[in-house]
Amino acid sequence: MGKLFEFPNPVNEVSARLVAAGVVLLTLGVVGFGQTWMIAPLAYGFVARVLTGPTLSPLGQLVTRVITPALPFEAKMVPGPPKRFAQGIGATLSVAAAVAHFGFGATGPAVVLVAMITVAASLESALGFCLGCKIFALLMKVGVIPEETCEACNNLALRRTATI
C-alpha cells in the first residue's frame, strides 16, 4: 500500500484553509439550498482526507494541485496530526449525516450535523481557527492523546524545522 494511506505531516495551512472553504460551499448547498444529495460527496471527501490526506479527495487534489500553486501565498506548514483529527471529526459528523438522511430518512438531524460542519469549516477557512485542532490540543493537555502523537505540537523548535 505504501504511501497511499498516509496523512501528510506537516500540512500546508493555506491548502487546509482552502479545503475548508470548499467544505463550506458543499455544506451551504445542503443547509442553505436543501441539496441533501451533497451529503454523500461531503462524507466521501472527509473519509478520503482522513485516510490519505488529499490523495483520494477530489477537493484535496483540486486545492493542492491547482488552486494553492496558483495563489501568491507562501506555504505555512503546521503539524499534521491535529489537522487529521479535525478531518476525523468532519468524517464522523458527515458519515452520521449520511446514515441519518440516506439510511433512515432523518433529514432534519442530518442537516443539523452538516450545519455543525459549516460552523467549524467557516472558522477554519475565514479565520484560520481550527476547532478540531483546539480539541486535539486540549485532549493532549489532559493526556487522552499521547504527546508522542504530535511532538511538533508541543515543541516549537520542531515546528520551525518542519517548515524548512
C-alpha atoms as a PDB file:
ATOM      1  CA  MET A   1       0.000   0.000   0.000  1.00  0.00           C
ATOM      2  CA  GLY A   2       2.955   2.321   0.517  1.00  0.00           C
ATOM      3  CA  LYS A   3       2.152   5.978   0.938  1.00  0.00           C
ATOM      4  CA  LEU A   4      -1.454   5.823  -0.243  1.00  0.00           C
ATOM      5  CA  PHE A   5      -2.876   5.659   3.287  1.00  0.00           C
ATOM      6  CA  GLU A   6      -0.624   8.257   4.885  1.00  0.00           C
ATOM      7  CA  PHE A   7      -1.654  11.691   6.054  1.00  0.00           C
ATOM      8  CA  PRO A   8       0.838  14.471   5.289  1.00  0.00           C
ATOM      9  CA  ASN A   9       2.886  15.887   8.135  1.00  0.00           C
ATOM     10  CA  PRO A  10       3.408  18.793   8.109  1.00  0.00           C
ATOM     11  CA  VAL A  11       0.378  20.255   6.325  1.00  0.00           C
ATOM     12  CA  ASN A  12       0.239  23.492   4.347  1.00  0.00           C
ATOM     13  CA  GLU A  13      -2.166  25.714   6.299  1.00  0.00           C
ATOM     14  CA  VAL A  14      -3.026  27.637   3.110  1.00  0.00           C
ATOM     15  CA  SER A  15      -4.291  24.439   1.471  1.00  0.00           C
ATOM     16  CA  ALA A  16      -6.104  23.383   4.646  1.00  0.00           C
ATOM     17  CA  ARG A  17      -7.989  26.672   4.733  1.00  0.00           C
ATOM     18  CA  LEU A  18      -8.863  26.400   1.029  1.00  0.00           C
ATOM     19  CA  VAL A  19     -10.176  22.858   1.502  1.00  0.00           C
ATOM     20  CA  ALA A  20     -12.243  24.188   4.408  1.00  0.00           C
ATOM     21  CA  ALA A  21     -13.667  26.860   2.070  1.00  0.00           C
ATOM     22  CA  GLY A  22     -14.687  24.105  -0.351  1.00  0.00           C
ATOM     23  CA  VAL A  23     -16.331  22.252   2.524  1.00  0.00           C
ATOM     24  CA  VAL A  24     -18.239  25.427   3.421  1.00  0.00           C
ATOM     25  CA  LEU A  25     -19.587  25.613  -0.141  1.00  0.00           C
ATOM     26  CA  LEU A  26     -20.702  21.972  -0.032  1.00  0.00           C
ATOM     27  CA  THR A  27     -22.349  22.356   3.359  1.00  0.00           C
ATOM     28  CA  LEU A  28     -24.123  25.547   2.297  1.00  0.00           C
ATOM     29  CA  GLY A  29     -25.580  23.583  -0.591  1.00  0.00           C
ATOM     30  CA  VAL A  30     -27.099  21.201   1.953  1.00  0.00           C
ATOM     31  CA  VAL A  31     -28.070  23.653   4.691  1.00  0.00           C
ATOM     32  CA  GLY A  32     -28.958  26.705   2.608  1.00  0.00           C
ATOM     33  CA  PHE A  33     -30.346  25.180  -0.556  1.00  0.00           C
ATOM     34  CA  GLY A  34     -31.675  21.799   0.536  1.00  0.00           C
ATOM     35  CA  GLN A  35     -29.366  19.862  -1.772  1.00  0.00           C
ATOM     36  CA  THR A  36     -29.165  16.849   0.521  1.00  0.00           C
ATOM     37  CA  TRP A  37     -27.533  14.722  -2.185  1.00  0.00           C
ATOM     38  CA  MET A  38     -24.375  16.760  -1.421  1.00  0.00           C
ATOM     39  CA  ILE A  39     -24.080  14.932   1.922  1.00  0.00           C
ATOM     40  CA  ALA A  40     -22.667  11.913   0.045  1.00  0.00           C
ATOM     41  CA  PRO A  41     -19.686  13.713  -1.580  1.00  0.00           C
ATOM     42  CA  LEU A  42     -19.150  15.642   1.653  1.00  0.00           C
ATOM     43  CA  ALA A  43     -18.846  12.411   3.643  1.00  0.00           C
ATOM     44  CA  TYR A  44     -16.676  10.762   0.986  1.00  0.00           C
ATOM     45  CA  GLY A  45     -14.319  13.759   0.971  1.00  0.00           C
ATOM     46  CA  PHE A  46     -13.832  13.731   4.729  1.00  0.00           C
ATOM     47  CA  VAL A  47     -13.236   9.969   4.866  1.00  0.00           C
ATOM     48  CA  ALA A  48     -10.796  10.199   1.938  1.00  0.00           C
ATOM     49  CA  ARG A  49      -8.867  13.048   3.592  1.00  0.00           C
ATOM     50  CA  VAL A  50      -8.661  11.248   6.953  1.00  0.00           C
ATOM     51  CA  LEU A  51      -7.281   8.139   5.258  1.00  0.00           C
ATOM     52  CA  THR A  52      -4.984   9.687   2.639  1.00  0.00           C
ATOM     53  CA  GLY A  53      -4.808  13.464   3.060  1.00  0.00           C
ATOM     54  CA  PRO A  54      -5.510  14.995  -0.352  1.00  0.00           C
ATOM     55  CA  THR A  55      -4.585  11.849  -2.337  1.00  0.00           C
ATOM     56  CA  LEU A  56      -8.088  10.369  -2.806  1.00  0.00           C
ATOM     57  CA  SER A  57     -10.050  13.570  -2.209  1.00  0.00           C
ATOM     58  CA  PRO A  58     -11.178  15.406  -5.363  1.00  0.00           C
ATOM     59  CA  LEU A  59     -11.393  18.645  -3.356  1.00  0.00           C
ATOM     60  CA  GLY A  60      -7.960  17.998  -1.825  1.00  0.00           C
ATOM     61  CA  GLN A  61      -6.466  17.345  -5.264  1.00  0.00           C
ATOM     62  CA  LEU A  62      -8.038  20.493  -6.749  1.00  0.00           C
ATOM     63  CA  VAL A  63      -6.736  22.614  -3.892  1.00  0.00           C
ATOM     64  CA  THR A  64      -3.209  21.168  -3.621  1.00  0.00           C
ATOM     65  CA  ARG A  65      -2.509  20.757  -7.340  1.00  0.00           C
ATOM     66  CA  VAL A  66      -4.369  23.696  -8.909  1.00  0.00           C
ATOM     67  CA  ILE A  67      -5.578  26.411  -6.540  1.00  0.00           C
ATOM     68  CA  THR A  68      -2.790  26.676  -3.938  1.00  0.00           C
ATOM     69  CA  PRO A  69       0.052  26.724  -6.513  1.00  0.00           C
ATOM     70  CA  ALA A  70      -1.762  29.455  -8.470  1.00  0.00           C
ATOM     71  CA  LEU A  71      -2.008  31.771  -5.465  1.00  0.00           C
ATOM     72  CA  PRO A  72       0.705  34.217  -4.391  1.00  0.00           C
ATOM     73  CA  PHE A  73       0.751  32.933  -0.795  1.00  0.00           C
ATOM     74  CA  GLU A  74       3.805  31.370   0.794  1.00  0.00           C
ATOM     75  CA  ALA A  75       3.272  27.939   2.319  1.00  0.00           C
ATOM     76  CA  LYS A  76       2.707  27.929   6.066  1.00  0.00           C
ATOM     77  CA  MET A  77       3.476  24.476   7.393  1.00  0.00           C
ATOM     78  CA  VAL A  78       1.683  23.250  10.518  1.00  0.00           C
ATOM     79  CA  PRO A  79       1.640  19.853  12.291  1.00  0.00           C
ATOM     80  CA  GLY A  80      -0.438  17.205  10.521  1.00  0.00           C
ATOM     81  CA  PRO A  81      -1.909  15.168  13.419  1.00  0.00           C
ATOM     82  CA  PRO A  82      -4.267  17.935  14.646  1.00  0.00           C
ATOM     83  CA  LYS A  83      -5.487  18.527  11.075  1.00  0.00           C
ATOM     84  CA  ARG A  84      -6.101  14.798  10.626  1.00  0.00           C
ATOM     85  CA  PHE A  85      -8.026  14.763  13.911  1.00  0.00           C
ATOM     86  CA  ALA A  86     -10.145  17.683  12.664  1.00  0.00           C
ATOM     87  CA  GLN A  87     -10.824  15.803   9.411  1.00  0.00           C
ATOM     88  CA  GLY A  88     -11.840  12.833  11.577  1.00  0.00           C
ATOM     89  CA  ILE A  89     -14.435  14.935  13.351  1.00  0.00           C
ATOM     90  CA  GLY A  90     -15.750  16.076   9.975  1.00  0.00           C
ATOM     91  CA  ALA A  91     -15.820  12.457   8.786  1.00  0.00           C
ATOM     92  CA  THR A  92     -17.754  11.382  11.872  1.00  0.00           C
ATOM     93  CA  LEU A  93     -20.324  14.157  11.527  1.00  0.00           C
ATOM     94  CA  SER A  94     -20.733  13.805   7.750  1.00  0.00           C
ATOM     95  CA  VAL A  95     -20.995   9.996   7.807  1.00  0.00           C
ATOM     96  CA  ALA A  96     -23.541  10.277  10.629  1.00  0.00           C
ATOM     97  CA  ALA A  97     -25.459  12.802   8.478  1.00  0.00           C
ATOM     98  CA  ALA A  98     -25.325  10.417   5.506  1.00  0.00           C
ATOM     99  CA  VAL A  99     -26.592   7.499   7.606  1.00  0.00           C
ATOM    100  CA  ALA A 100     -29.346   9.649   9.111  1.00  0.00           C
ATOM    101  CA  HIS A 101     -30.507  11.036   5.760  1.00  0.00           C
ATOM    102  CA  PHE A 102     -29.952   8.163   3.332  1.00  0.00           C
ATOM    103  CA  GLY A 103     -30.371   5.290   5.789  1.00  0.00           C
ATOM    104  CA  PHE A 104     -33.220   6.490   7.962  1.00  0.00           C
ATOM    105  CA  GLY A 105     -34.791   9.402   6.083  1.00  0.00           C
ATOM    106  CA  ALA A 106     -33.988  11.655   9.046  1.00  0.00           C
ATOM    107  CA  THR A 107     -33.173  14.763   7.044  1.00  0.00           C
ATOM    108  CA  GLY A 108     -33.603  17.218   9.940  1.00  0.00           C
ATOM    109  CA  PRO A 109     -30.906  15.672  12.135  1.00  0.00           C
ATOM    110  CA  ALA A 110     -28.674  15.228   9.073  1.00  0.00           C
ATOM    111  CA  VAL A 111     -28.923  18.923   8.242  1.00  0.00           C
ATOM    112  CA  VAL A 112     -28.107  19.848  11.864  1.00  0.00           C
ATOM    113  CA  LEU A 113     -24.943  17.713  11.679  1.00  0.00           C
ATOM    114  CA  VAL A 114     -23.972  19.359   8.389  1.00  0.00           C
ATOM    115  CA  ALA A 115     -24.636  22.794   9.920  1.00  0.00           C
ATOM    116  CA  MET A 116     -22.135  21.926  12.669  1.00  0.00           C
ATOM    117  CA  ILE A 117     -19.568  21.190   9.957  1.00  0.00           C
ATOM    118  CA  THR A 118     -20.429  24.522   8.313  1.00  0.00           C
ATOM    119  CA  VAL A 119     -19.578  26.397  11.505  1.00  0.00           C
ATOM    120  CA  ALA A 120     -16.245  24.619  12.019  1.00  0.00           C
ATOM    121  CA  ALA A 121     -15.202  24.855   8.360  1.00  0.00           C
ATOM    122  CA  SER A 122     -16.154  28.559   8.262  1.00  0.00           C
ATOM    123  CA  LEU A 123     -13.967  29.272  11.291  1.00  0.00           C
ATOM    124  CA  GLU A 124     -11.055  27.417   9.647  1.00  0.00           C
ATOM    125  CA  SER A 125     -11.400  28.952   6.198  1.00  0.00           C
ATOM    126  CA  ALA A 126     -12.149  32.544   7.166  1.00  0.00           C
ATOM    127  CA  LEU A 127     -10.212  32.955  10.415  1.00  0.00           C
ATOM    128  CA  GLY A 128      -7.673  30.128  10.436  1.00  0.00           C
ATOM    129  CA  PHE A 129      -9.251  28.864  13.666  1.00  0.00           C
ATOM    130  CA  CYS A 130      -9.237  25.068  13.557  1.00  0.00           C
ATOM    131  CA  LEU A 131     -11.788  23.897  16.108  1.00  0.00           C
ATOM    132  CA  GLY A 132     -10.705  20.270  15.727  1.00  0.00           C
ATOM    133  CA  CYS A 133      -7.083  21.304  16.301  1.00  0.00           C
ATOM    134  CA  LYS A 134      -8.077  23.084  19.520  1.00  0.00           C
ATOM    135  CA  ILE A 135      -9.912  19.965  20.710  1.00  0.00           C
ATOM    136  CA  PHE A 136      -6.828  17.890  19.787  1.00  0.00           C
ATOM    137  CA  ALA A 137      -4.612  20.218  21.862  1.00  0.00           C
ATOM    138  CA  LEU A 138      -6.985  20.001  24.828  1.00  0.00           C
ATOM    139  CA  LEU A 139      -7.037  16.196  24.618  1.00  0.00           C
ATOM    140  CA  MET A 140      -3.226  16.186  24.533  1.00  0.00           C
ATOM    141  CA  LYS A 141      -3.111  18.504  27.542  1.00  0.00           C
ATOM    142  CA  VAL A 142      -5.313  16.218  29.626  1.00  0.00           C
ATOM    143  CA  GLY A 143      -3.442  13.104  28.483  1.00  0.00           C
ATOM    144  CA  VAL A 144      -6.109  11.473  26.297  1.00  0.00           C
ATOM    145  CA  ILE A 145      -3.858  11.832  23.232  1.00  0.00           C
ATOM    146  CA  PRO A 146      -0.228  10.904  23.983  1.00  0.00           C
ATOM    147  CA  GLU A 147       2.356  13.647  23.467  1.00  0.00           C
ATOM    148  CA  GLU A 148       4.286  11.394  21.044  1.00  0.00           C
ATOM    149  CA  THR A 149       1.364  11.662  18.625  1.00  0.00           C
ATOM    150  CA  CYS A 150       2.419  15.187  17.824  1.00  0.00           C
ATOM    151  CA  GLU A 151       5.888  16.128  19.018  1.00  0.00           C
ATOM    152  CA  ALA A 152       5.769  19.310  16.907  1.00  0.00           C
ATOM    153  CA  CYS A 153       2.549  20.407  18.616  1.00  0.00           C
ATOM    154  CA  ASN A 154       4.372  20.950  21.912  1.00  0.00           C
ATOM    155  CA  ASN A 155       7.904  21.662  20.713  1.00  0.00           C
ATOM    156  CA  LEU A 156       8.306  24.990  18.937  1.00  0.00           C
ATOM    157  CA  ALA A 157      11.811  24.038  17.777  1.00  0.00           C
ATOM    158  CA  LEU A 158      10.378  21.041  15.926  1.00  0.00           C
ATOM    159  CA  ARG A 159       7.703  23.268  14.386  1.00  0.00           C
ATOM    160  CA  ARG A 160      10.372  25.576  12.990  1.00  0.00           C
ATOM    161  CA  THR A 161      12.360  22.735  11.469  1.00  0.00           C
ATOM    162  CA  ALA A 162       9.212  21.262   9.936  1.00  0.00           C
ATOM    163  CA  THR A 163       8.703  24.447   7.935  1.00  0.00           C
ATOM    164  CA  ILE A 164      12.097  24.335   6.268  1.00  0.00           C
END
